[in-house]
Structures are given as structure tokens and as C-alpha cells.
Amino acid sequence: MRALIILFTIITSAGCSALMVGGGTPGGSPYQKDQGSAAQTQSNATVTANVKNRLASDSRVKMFNFGVSTDNGRVTLSGTVDSYAAREHAEKLAIGTDGVRAVENQVKVQSAQ
């Protein structure tokens, strides 16, 4: 009887370990997200590079350090600039880039003192 209880415990705990490893992960886990196709990842990288190039080659904003990330054509801009005009101009440059569907502008304006 004792051997049967031990065997039952081992079998049921082995099934639980699968839940602990990945099957029971909470929402938002990278193991549950659809990471997209390789083509989409390449497209994201291409859009990000194109936006960065436009920002780096524009005389009004090239002196600022922008963070750019892309997810399925949605670009997020980050960083700090010295005026609202520069912030808006960076957003317009990003919106005008091929492959960009939307822009989330998280760029902060910090005045020089």
C-alpha cells in the first residue's frame, strides 16, 4: 500500500512539473507570446533602421539621441530633446517613414538651463 502511495505521488508530481515549467505561466510570459515570423522581425528591424537614419540625417534633430523600437509597424520614440518643436519634428519624420503605421512619441522635452 505504501509503495502504491509513493508511486501515485511521483506520477502526479511529474505532471505538475510540466505546469511549473511552462504550461502554468501567467499572462505576459514570453513563452506564451507569439513572437511573429522571421519576416516580421526583419521588417521591424528595417523600419527601426530607416527611422533612425531619417532622424540622424535631419539637421533639426540629429544632435539628439533617440531610442526607436518597432513592433508590427508601430514605432515608439524615446529620448530627450530641448523643445516641443524638435519633439514634434521627430514624430513627423517617423510617421513619414515607409513601413510606419503609427507612432507613440515618448520623447521628453527638457529645457536647457
Protein backbone atom coordinates (compact mmCIF):
# COMPACT_ATOMS: atom_id res chain seq x y z
CA MET A 1 0.00 0.00 0.00
CA ARG A 2 2.81 2.39 0.93
CA ALA A 3 4.57 1.68 -2.40
CA LEU A 4 1.33 2.47 -4.24
CA ILE A 5 1.03 5.83 -2.46
CA ILE A 6 4.64 6.69 -3.29
CA LEU A 7 4.15 5.69 -6.93
CA PHE A 8 0.96 7.78 -7.14
CA THR A 9 2.77 10.78 -5.63
CA ILE A 10 5.62 10.51 -8.12
CA ILE A 11 3.28 10.23 -11.10
CA THR A 12 1.10 13.18 -10.08
CA SER A 13 4.04 15.40 -9.19
CA ALA A 14 5.65 14.70 -12.57
CA GLY A 15 2.54 16.05 -14.25
CA CYS A 16 2.67 19.18 -12.10
CA SER A 17 6.25 19.88 -13.09
CA ALA A 18 5.09 20.43 -16.67
CA LEU A 19 2.75 23.11 -15.39
CA MET A 20 5.53 24.73 -13.40
CA VAL A 21 7.91 24.74 -16.35
CA GLY A 22 5.70 26.46 -18.89
CA GLY A 23 2.12 25.34 -19.04
CA GLY A 24 1.07 27.31 -15.98
CA THR A 25 2.90 30.56 -16.66
CA PRO A 26 0.93 33.75 -16.10
CA GLY A 27 -0.19 36.01 -18.94
CA GLY A 28 2.53 38.11 -20.46
CA SER A 29 5.09 35.36 -20.28
CA PRO A 30 7.48 35.33 -23.24
CA TYR A 31 6.82 31.61 -23.54
CA GLN A 32 3.18 32.27 -24.41
CA LYS A 33 3.61 35.24 -26.76
CA ASP A 34 3.53 34.84 -30.50
CA GLN A 35 6.95 36.14 -31.42
CA GLY A 36 5.94 36.62 -35.05
CA SER A 37 7.54 35.31 -38.17
CA ALA A 38 11.13 35.85 -39.19
CA ALA A 39 9.88 38.12 -41.99
CA GLN A 40 8.03 40.30 -39.49
CA THR A 41 11.11 40.53 -37.27
CA GLN A 42 13.16 41.56 -40.28
CA SER A 43 10.53 44.12 -41.22
CA ASN A 44 10.60 45.56 -37.68
CA ALA A 45 14.39 45.85 -37.83
CA THR A 46 14.23 47.51 -41.24
CA VAL A 47 11.63 50.06 -40.14
CA THR A 48 13.63 50.84 -36.99
CA ALA A 49 16.82 51.35 -39.01
CA ASN A 50 15.01 53.56 -41.53
CA VAL A 51 13.53 55.77 -38.79
CA LYS A 52 16.91 56.07 -37.06
CA ASN A 53 18.54 57.04 -40.37
CA ARG A 54 15.94 59.74 -41.02
CA LEU A 55 16.41 61.18 -37.53
CA ALA A 56 20.21 61.07 -37.78
CA SER A 57 20.27 62.80 -41.16
CA ASP A 58 17.87 65.63 -40.32
CA SER A 59 19.60 68.85 -39.29
CA ARG A 60 16.86 69.83 -36.83
CA VAL A 61 17.08 66.70 -34.68
CA LYS A 62 20.33 64.87 -35.49
CA MET A 63 22.05 66.20 -32.38
CA PHE A 64 19.63 64.32 -30.09
CA ASN A 65 19.88 60.70 -29.07
CA PHE A 66 16.60 58.92 -29.86
CA GLY A 67 15.53 55.44 -28.93
CA VAL A 68 13.49 53.77 -31.65
CA SER A 69 11.67 50.46 -31.43
CA THR A 70 9.19 48.91 -33.84
CA ASP A 71 6.52 46.30 -33.38
CA ASN A 72 4.44 45.41 -36.42
CA GLY A 73 4.81 48.88 -37.93
CA ARG A 74 4.12 50.68 -34.64
CA VAL A 75 7.14 52.81 -33.78
CA THR A 76 7.93 54.02 -30.28
CA LEU A 77 10.23 57.03 -29.97
CA SER A 78 12.05 57.80 -26.73
CA GLY A 79 14.78 60.16 -25.60
CA THR A 80 15.09 63.81 -24.63
CA VAL A 81 15.06 66.97 -26.75
CA ASP A 82 15.27 70.66 -25.91
CA SER A 83 11.99 71.87 -27.46
CA TYR A 84 8.48 70.80 -28.33
CA ALA A 85 9.21 71.73 -31.95
CA ALA A 86 12.05 69.17 -32.05
CA ARG A 87 9.80 66.55 -30.43
CA GLU A 88 7.04 67.10 -33.00
CA HIS A 89 9.51 67.19 -35.89
CA ALA A 90 10.96 63.82 -34.84
CA GLU A 91 7.45 62.37 -34.76
CA LYS A 92 6.68 63.72 -38.24
CA LEU A 93 9.89 62.22 -39.59
CA ALA A 94 8.99 58.84 -38.11
CA ILE A 95 5.41 58.96 -39.43
CA GLY A 96 6.73 59.77 -42.90
CA THR A 97 8.97 56.70 -42.98
CA ASP A 98 7.97 53.74 -45.16
CA GLY A 99 6.50 50.87 -43.16
CA VAL A 100 5.43 53.01 -40.19
CA ARG A 101 1.75 52.57 -39.35
CA ALA A 102 1.65 54.52 -36.08
CA VAL A 103 4.00 56.41 -33.76
CA GLU A 104 3.97 56.54 -29.98
CA ASN A 105 6.01 59.59 -29.06
CA GLN A 106 7.53 59.17 -25.59
CA VAL A 107 10.21 61.80 -26.20
CA LYS A 108 10.66 64.15 -23.23
CA VAL A 109 11.27 67.89 -23.53
CA GLN A 110 13.93 69.19 -21.19
CA SER A 111 14.85 72.86 -21.41
CA ALA A 112 18.50 73.80 -21.13
CA GLN A 113 19.12 75.90 -18.02
